[in-house]
PDB file of N, CA and C in Angstrom:
ATOM      1  N   UNK A   1      31.290 -15.285  15.362  1.00  0.00           N
ATOM      2  CA  UNK A   1      30.540 -14.713  14.243  1.00  0.00           C
ATOM      3  C   UNK A   1      29.850 -15.806  13.408  1.00  0.00           C
ATOM      4  N   UNK A   2      30.587 -16.894  13.173  1.00  0.00           N
ATOM      5  CA  UNK A   2      30.028 -17.964  12.350  1.00  0.00           C
ATOM      6  C   UNK A   2      28.798 -18.564  13.015  1.00  0.00           C
ATOM      7  N   UNK A   3      28.856 -18.748  14.334  1.00  0.00           N
ATOM      8  CA  UNK A   3      27.724 -19.326  15.053  1.00  0.00           C
ATOM      9  C   UNK A   3      26.485 -18.453  14.921  1.00  0.00           C
ATOM     10  N   UNK A   4      26.670 -17.143  14.992  1.00  0.00           N
ATOM     11  CA  UNK A   4      25.540 -16.226  14.863  1.00  0.00           C
ATOM     12  C   UNK A   4      24.924 -16.330  13.477  1.00  0.00           C
ATOM     13  N   UNK A   5      25.798 -16.380  12.477  1.00  0.00           N
ATOM     14  CA  UNK A   5      25.312 -16.465  11.098  1.00  0.00           C
ATOM     15  C   UNK A   5      24.511 -17.749  10.905  1.00  0.00           C
ATOM     16  N   UNK A   6      24.988 -18.849  11.441  1.00  0.00           N
ATOM     17  CA  UNK A   6      24.292 -20.121  11.299  1.00  0.00           C
ATOM     18  C   UNK A   6      22.937 -20.089  11.986  1.00  0.00           C
ATOM     19  N   UNK A   7      22.870 -19.486  13.171  1.00  0.00           N
ATOM     20  CA  UNK A   7      21.591 -19.459  13.884  1.00  0.00           C
ATOM     21  C   UNK A   7      20.580 -18.587  13.148  1.00  0.00           C
ATOM     22  N   UNK A   8      21.046 -17.500  12.540  1.00  0.00           N
ATOM     23  CA  UNK A   8      20.141 -16.655  11.755  1.00  0.00           C
ATOM     24  C   UNK A   8      19.604 -17.447  10.563  1.00  0.00           C
ATOM     25  N   UNK A   9      20.491 -18.182   9.897  1.00  0.00           N
ATOM     26  CA  UNK A   9      20.074 -18.989   8.752  1.00  0.00           C
ATOM     27  C   UNK A   9      19.050 -20.033   9.149  1.00  0.00           C
ATOM     28  N   UNK A  10      19.265 -20.686  10.284  1.00  0.00           N
ATOM     29  CA  UNK A  10      18.318 -21.724  10.697  1.00  0.00           C
ATOM     30  C   UNK A  10      16.998 -21.104  11.138  1.00  0.00           C
ATOM     31  N   UNK A  11      17.045 -19.910  11.707  1.00  0.00           N
ATOM     32  CA  UNK A  11      15.809 -19.222  12.099  1.00  0.00           C
ATOM     33  C   UNK A  11      14.978 -18.893  10.866  1.00  0.00           C
ATOM     34  N   UNK A  12      15.640 -18.389   9.833  1.00  0.00           N
ATOM     35  CA  UNK A  12      14.938 -18.057   8.591  1.00  0.00           C
ATOM     36  C   UNK A  12      14.358 -19.319   7.969  1.00  0.00           C
ATOM     37  N   UNK A  13      15.150 -20.402   7.982  1.00  0.00           N
ATOM     38  CA  UNK A  13      14.675 -21.666   7.415  1.00  0.00           C
ATOM     39  C   UNK A  13      13.443 -22.150   8.166  1.00  0.00           C
ATOM     40  N   UNK A  14      13.492 -22.066   9.493  1.00  0.00           N
ATOM     41  CA  UNK A  14      12.352 -22.496  10.310  1.00  0.00           C
ATOM     42  C   UNK A  14      11.119 -21.652   9.990  1.00  0.00           C
ATOM     43  N   UNK A  15      11.318 -20.350   9.857  1.00  0.00           N
ATOM     44  CA  UNK A  15      10.200 -19.456   9.542  1.00  0.00           C
ATOM     45  C   UNK A  15       9.591 -19.816   8.190  1.00  0.00           C
ATOM     46  N   UNK A  16      10.443 -20.125   7.216  1.00  0.00           N
ATOM     47  CA  UNK A  16       9.943 -20.495   5.887  1.00  0.00           C
ATOM     48  C   UNK A  16       9.141 -21.784   5.949  1.00  0.00           C
ATOM     49  N   UNK A  17       9.624 -22.762   6.693  1.00  0.00           N
ATOM     50  CA  UNK A  17       8.922 -24.040   6.816  1.00  0.00           C
ATOM     51  C   UNK A  17       7.579 -23.830   7.501  1.00  0.00           C
ATOM     52  N   UNK A  18       7.574 -22.993   8.557  1.00  0.00           N
ATOM     53  CA  UNK A  18       6.333 -22.724   9.282  1.00  0.00           C
ATOM     54  C   UNK A  18       5.318 -22.049   8.367  1.00  0.00           C
ATOM     55  N   UNK A  19       5.774 -21.071   7.615  1.00  0.00           N
ATOM     56  CA  UNK A  19       4.876 -20.365   6.702  1.00  0.00           C
ATOM     57  C   UNK A  19       4.324 -21.320   5.652  1.00  0.00           C
ATOM     58  N   UNK A  20       5.179 -22.198   5.147  1.00  0.00           N
ATOM     59  CA  UNK A  20       4.744 -23.144   4.120  1.00  0.00           C
ATOM     60  C   UNK A  20       3.689 -24.087   4.676  1.00  0.00           C
ATOM     61  N   UNK A  21       3.912 -24.602   5.881  1.00  0.00           N
ATOM     62  CA  UNK A  21       2.949 -25.552   6.434  1.00  0.00           C
ATOM     63  C   UNK A  21       1.647 -24.849   6.797  1.00  0.00           C
ATOM     64  N   UNK A  22       1.737 -23.593   7.227  1.00  0.00           N
ATOM     65  CA  UNK A  22       0.523 -22.845   7.563  1.00  0.00           C
ATOM     66  C   UNK A  22      -0.320 -22.615   6.318  1.00  0.00           C
ATOM     67  N   UNK A  23       0.323 -22.219   5.231  1.00  0.00           N
ATOM     68  CA  UNK A  23      -0.436 -21.954   4.007  1.00  0.00           C
ATOM     69  C   UNK A  23      -1.014 -23.244   3.445  1.00  0.00           C
ATOM     70  N   UNK A  24      -0.287 -24.352   3.611  1.00  0.00           N
ATOM     71  CA  UNK A  24      -0.805 -25.642   3.148  1.00  0.00           C
ATOM     72  C   UNK A  24      -2.038 -26.022   3.944  1.00  0.00           C
ATOM     73  N   UNK A  25      -1.980 -25.827   5.263  1.00  0.00           N
ATOM     74  CA  UNK A  25      -3.129 -26.144   6.108  1.00  0.00           C
ATOM     75  C   UNK A  25      -4.335 -25.293   5.732  1.00  0.00           C
ATOM     76  N   UNK A  26      -4.093 -24.017   5.484  1.00  0.00           N
ATOM     77  CA  UNK A  26      -5.186 -23.124   5.107  1.00  0.00           C
ATOM     78  C   UNK A  26      -5.791 -23.556   3.777  1.00  0.00           C
ATOM     79  N   UNK A  27      -4.934 -23.929   2.822  1.00  0.00           N
ATOM     80  CA  UNK A  27      -5.426 -24.378   1.525  1.00  0.00           C
ATOM     81  C   UNK A  27      -6.241 -25.645   1.649  1.00  0.00           C
ATOM     82  N   UNK A  28      -5.793 -26.561   2.494  1.00  0.00           N
ATOM     83  CA  UNK A  28      -6.511 -27.818   2.685  1.00  0.00           C
ATOM     84  C   UNK A  28      -7.873 -27.558   3.315  1.00  0.00           C
ATOM     85  N   UNK A  29      -7.899 -26.685   4.317  1.00  0.00           N
ATOM     86  CA  UNK A  29      -9.161 -26.359   4.984  1.00  0.00           C
ATOM     87  C   UNK A  29     -10.116 -25.692   3.998  1.00  0.00           C
ATOM     88  N   UNK A  30      -9.578 -24.825   3.161  1.00  0.00           N
ATOM     89  CA  UNK A  30     -10.411 -24.132   2.170  1.00  0.00           C
ATOM     90  C   UNK A  30     -11.001 -25.134   1.185  1.00  0.00           C
ATOM     91  N   UNK A  31     -10.180 -26.069   0.726  1.00  0.00           N
ATOM     92  CA  UNK A  31     -10.660 -27.080  -0.218  1.00  0.00           C
ATOM     93  C   UNK A  31     -11.717 -27.953   0.431  1.00  0.00           C
ATOM     94  N   UNK A  32     -11.491 -28.325   1.684  1.00  0.00           N
ATOM     95  CA  UNK A  32     -12.463 -29.156   2.392  1.00  0.00           C
ATOM     96  C   UNK A  32     -13.786 -28.406   2.538  1.00  0.00           C
ATOM     97  N   UNK A  33     -13.699 -27.114   2.860  1.00  0.00           N
ATOM     98  CA  UNK A  33     -14.900 -26.298   3.000  1.00  0.00           C
ATOM     99  C   UNK A  33     -15.648 -26.175   1.684  1.00  0.00           C
ATOM    100  N   UNK A  34     -14.902 -25.974   0.602  1.00  0.00           N
ATOM    101  CA  UNK A  34     -15.534 -25.848  -0.711  1.00  0.00           C
ATOM    102  C   UNK A  34     -16.191 -27.164  -1.110  1.00  0.00           C
ATOM    103  N   UNK A  35     -15.527 -28.265  -0.799  1.00  0.00           N
ATOM    104  CA  UNK A  35     -16.069 -29.585  -1.123  1.00  0.00           C
ATOM    105  C   UNK A  35     -17.355 -29.834  -0.339  1.00  0.00           C
ATOM    106  N   UNK A  36     -17.332 -29.484   0.945  1.00  0.00           N
ATOM    107  CA  UNK A  36     -18.521 -29.673   1.785  1.00  0.00           C
ATOM    108  C   UNK A  36     -19.665 -28.793   1.286  1.00  0.00           C
ATOM    109  N   UNK A  37     -19.337 -27.554   0.906  1.00  0.00           N
ATOM    110  CA  UNK A  37     -20.367 -26.641   0.409  1.00  0.00           C
ATOM    111  C   UNK A  37     -20.993 -27.191  -0.865  1.00  0.00           C
ATOM    112  N   UNK A  38     -20.165 -27.764  -1.726  1.00  0.00           N
ATOM    113  CA  UNK A  38     -20.676 -28.327  -2.967  1.00  0.00           C
ATOM    114  C   UNK A  38     -21.577 -29.520  -2.663  1.00  0.00           C
ATOM    115  N   UNK A  39     -21.184 -30.312  -1.673  1.00  0.00           N
ATOM    116  CA  UNK A  39     -21.954 -31.502  -1.334  1.00  0.00           C
ATOM    117  C   UNK A  39     -23.325 -31.164  -0.769  1.00  0.00           C
ATOM    118  N   UNK A  40     -23.388 -30.161   0.096  1.00  0.00           N
ATOM    119  CA  UNK A  40     -24.649 -29.853   0.784  1.00  0.00           C
ATOM    120  C   UNK A  40     -25.425 -28.732   0.119  1.00  0.00           C
ATOM    121  N   UNK A  41     -24.760 -27.972  -0.737  1.00  0.00           N
ATOM    122  CA  UNK A  41     -25.384 -26.759  -1.268  1.00  0.00           C
ATOM    123  C   UNK A  41     -24.814 -25.559  -0.529  1.00  0.00           C
ATOM    124  N   UNK A  42     -24.483 -24.501  -1.258  1.00  0.00           N
ATOM    125  CA  UNK A  42     -23.769 -23.371  -0.674  1.00  0.00           C
ATOM    126  C   UNK A  42     -24.557 -22.707   0.445  1.00  0.00           C
ATOM    127  N   UNK A  43     -25.877 -22.641   0.318  1.00  0.00           N
ATOM    128  CA  UNK A  43     -26.659 -21.933   1.327  1.00  0.00           C
ATOM    129  C   UNK A  43     -26.604 -22.653   2.665  1.00  0.00           C
ATOM    130  N   UNK A  44     -26.681 -23.958   2.638  1.00  0.00           N
ATOM    131  CA  UNK A  44     -26.657 -24.731   3.875  1.00  0.00           C
ATOM    132  C   UNK A  44     -25.315 -24.574   4.581  1.00  0.00           C
ATOM    133  N   UNK A  45     -24.216 -24.460   3.821  1.00  0.00           N
ATOM    134  CA  UNK A  45     -22.901 -24.391   4.432  1.00  0.00           C
ATOM    135  C   UNK A  45     -22.629 -23.034   5.066  1.00  0.00           C
ATOM    136  N   UNK A  46     -23.265 -21.965   4.550  1.00  0.00           N
ATOM    137  CA  UNK A  46     -23.012 -20.639   5.101  1.00  0.00           C
ATOM    138  C   UNK A  46     -23.916 -20.351   6.298  1.00  0.00           C
ATOM    139  N   UNK A  47     -25.024 -21.030   6.400  1.00  0.00           N
ATOM    140  CA  UNK A  47     -25.923 -20.804   7.530  1.00  0.00           C
ATOM    141  C   UNK A  47     -25.381 -21.492   8.770  1.00  0.00           C
ATOM    142  N   UNK A  48     -25.475 -20.827   9.916  1.00  0.00           N
ATOM    143  CA  UNK A  48     -25.006 -21.437  11.156  1.00  0.00           C
ATOM    144  C   UNK A  48     -26.029 -22.463  11.636  1.00  0.00           C
ATOM    145  N   UNK A  49     -25.548 -23.554  12.235  1.00  0.00           N
ATOM    146  CA  UNK A  49     -26.492 -24.537  12.765  1.00  0.00           C
ATOM    147  C   UNK A  49     -27.361 -23.935  13.863  1.00  0.00           C
ATOM    148  N   UNK A  50     -28.598 -24.327  13.950  1.00  0.00           N
ATOM    149  CA  UNK A  50     -29.530 -23.753  14.922  1.00  0.00           C
ATOM    150  C   UNK A  50     -29.136 -24.149  16.336  1.00  0.00           C
TER     151      UNK A  50
END
């Protein structure tokens, strides 16, 4: 029983870490995109390259 409880706890911990790193990556990408848009102008960043 104890082994099962420990594995469940570690699974939850792993899921939390994964979620945290995913949201951090998304936030970083969003900030980078916003920074690039500010640098080039919003219209240029939303238009697809020809």
